Amino acid sequence: MDGASIDVDALFSGVEAFLSSRRVEFDINEDSITYYATSISKHEEGLLIKIEHEHLPLVHSDLDRVGFVEGRLNDDRSALSVILQMWGSEHRRFLERLVEFTTA
Protein backbone atom coordinates (compact mmCIF):
# COMPACT_ATOMS: atom_id res chain seq x y z
CA MET A 1 0.00 0.00 0.00
CA ASP A 2 1.34 3.42 -0.91
CA GLY A 3 2.06 5.51 2.21
CA ALA A 4 0.81 8.63 0.41
CA SER A 5 -2.73 7.22 0.22
CA ILE A 6 -2.96 6.43 3.95
CA ASP A 7 -4.82 8.90 6.17
CA VAL A 8 -2.55 8.62 9.21
CA ASP A 9 -4.60 11.14 11.20
CA ALA A 10 -7.80 9.14 10.65
CA LEU A 11 -6.04 5.92 11.69
CA PHE A 12 -4.68 7.66 14.78
CA SER A 13 -8.15 8.96 15.70
CA GLY A 14 -9.63 5.50 15.19
CA VAL A 15 -7.08 3.87 17.48
CA GLU A 16 -7.58 6.62 20.07
CA ALA A 17 -11.36 6.06 19.98
CA PHE A 18 -10.89 2.29 20.22
CA LEU A 19 -8.62 2.59 23.30
CA SER A 20 -11.01 5.06 24.93
CA SER A 21 -13.94 2.69 24.33
CA ARG A 22 -11.98 -0.06 26.12
CA ARG A 23 -11.30 2.32 29.02
CA VAL A 24 -7.55 2.04 28.54
CA GLU A 25 -5.66 4.73 30.41
CA PHE A 26 -3.14 6.22 28.01
CA ASP A 27 -1.01 9.29 27.43
CA ILE A 28 -1.43 11.09 24.15
CA ASN A 29 0.14 13.95 22.25
CA GLU A 30 -0.37 14.98 18.65
CA ASP A 31 1.92 12.24 17.31
CA SER A 32 1.78 9.31 19.74
CA ILE A 33 -0.22 7.28 22.20
CA THR A 34 1.45 5.34 25.01
CA TYR A 35 0.04 2.97 27.56
CA TYR A 36 1.73 0.36 29.70
CA ALA A 37 4.31 -1.36 27.44
CA THR A 38 2.87 -0.02 24.18
CA SER A 39 3.75 2.91 21.94
CA ILE A 40 1.66 3.87 18.91
CA SER A 41 3.09 6.70 16.86
CA LYS A 42 2.36 8.37 13.56
CA HIS A 43 4.66 7.18 10.80
CA GLU A 44 4.84 8.22 7.15
CA GLU A 45 3.43 4.81 6.16
CA GLY A 46 0.75 4.46 8.86
CA LEU A 47 0.93 3.95 12.62
CA LEU A 48 4.02 2.35 14.13
CA ILE A 49 3.07 0.04 16.97
CA LYS A 50 5.83 -1.06 19.37
CA ILE A 51 5.34 -3.29 22.36
CA GLU A 52 7.80 -4.77 24.83
CA HIS A 53 6.29 -7.40 27.11
CA GLU A 54 7.22 -10.99 27.92
CA HIS A 55 5.40 -13.79 26.09
CA LEU A 56 3.30 -11.71 23.71
CA PRO A 57 0.32 -13.79 22.48
CA LEU A 58 1.38 -13.59 18.84
CA VAL A 59 3.12 -15.54 16.14
CA HIS A 60 4.93 -14.16 13.10
CA SER A 61 1.96 -14.83 10.81
CA ASP A 62 -0.14 -12.38 12.87
CA LEU A 63 2.03 -9.58 11.47
CA ASP A 64 1.94 -10.81 7.85
CA ARG A 65 -1.68 -9.86 7.15
CA VAL A 66 -3.12 -7.23 4.86
CA GLY A 67 -2.85 -3.80 6.47
CA PHE A 68 0.34 -4.57 8.39
CA VAL A 69 3.84 -3.91 7.04
CA GLU A 70 7.36 -4.29 8.37
CA GLY A 71 6.19 -6.61 11.14
CA ARG A 72 8.89 -7.85 13.48
CA LEU A 73 8.42 -10.18 16.44
CA ASN A 74 11.39 -11.24 18.55
CA ASP A 75 11.99 -14.99 18.62
CA ASP A 76 11.22 -15.04 22.35
CA ARG A 77 8.05 -12.97 21.71
CA SER A 78 9.20 -10.21 24.08
CA ALA A 79 8.94 -7.34 21.58
CA LEU A 80 7.13 -6.45 18.41
CA SER A 81 7.00 -3.62 15.96
CA VAL A 82 4.61 -3.29 13.04
CA ILE A 83 3.17 -0.51 10.92
CA LEU A 84 -0.62 -0.46 10.80
CA GLN A 85 -1.93 0.86 7.48
CA MET A 86 -5.66 0.25 7.71
CA TRP A 87 -8.39 -0.13 10.30
CA GLY A 88 -10.84 -2.97 9.92
CA SER A 89 -12.28 -5.74 12.07
CA GLU A 90 -9.13 -7.88 11.82
CA HIS A 91 -6.94 -4.95 12.89
CA ARG A 92 -9.28 -4.08 15.74
CA ARG A 93 -9.18 -7.69 16.98
CA PHE A 94 -5.37 -7.64 16.78
CA LEU A 95 -5.17 -4.52 18.91
CA GLU A 96 -7.88 -5.82 21.24
CA ARG A 97 -5.85 -8.97 21.95
CA LEU A 98 -2.82 -6.86 22.75
CA VAL A 99 -4.78 -4.49 24.98
CA GLU A 100 -6.26 -7.41 26.93
CA PHE A 101 -2.86 -9.03 27.31
CA THR A 102 -0.80 -5.96 28.23
CA THR A 103 -3.35 -4.41 30.61
CA ALA A 104 -4.40 -7.64 32.41
Foldseek 3Di string as FASTA:
>chain_A
DDLVPFPQQVLVVVVVVLCVVVVFDWDDDPFWIDGQQWIWGGDSRHIKIKGFAFPQVDDPVLQVDPQKPPWDADPRRGMIIIGGRDDDPSVSVVVVSVCVVRVD
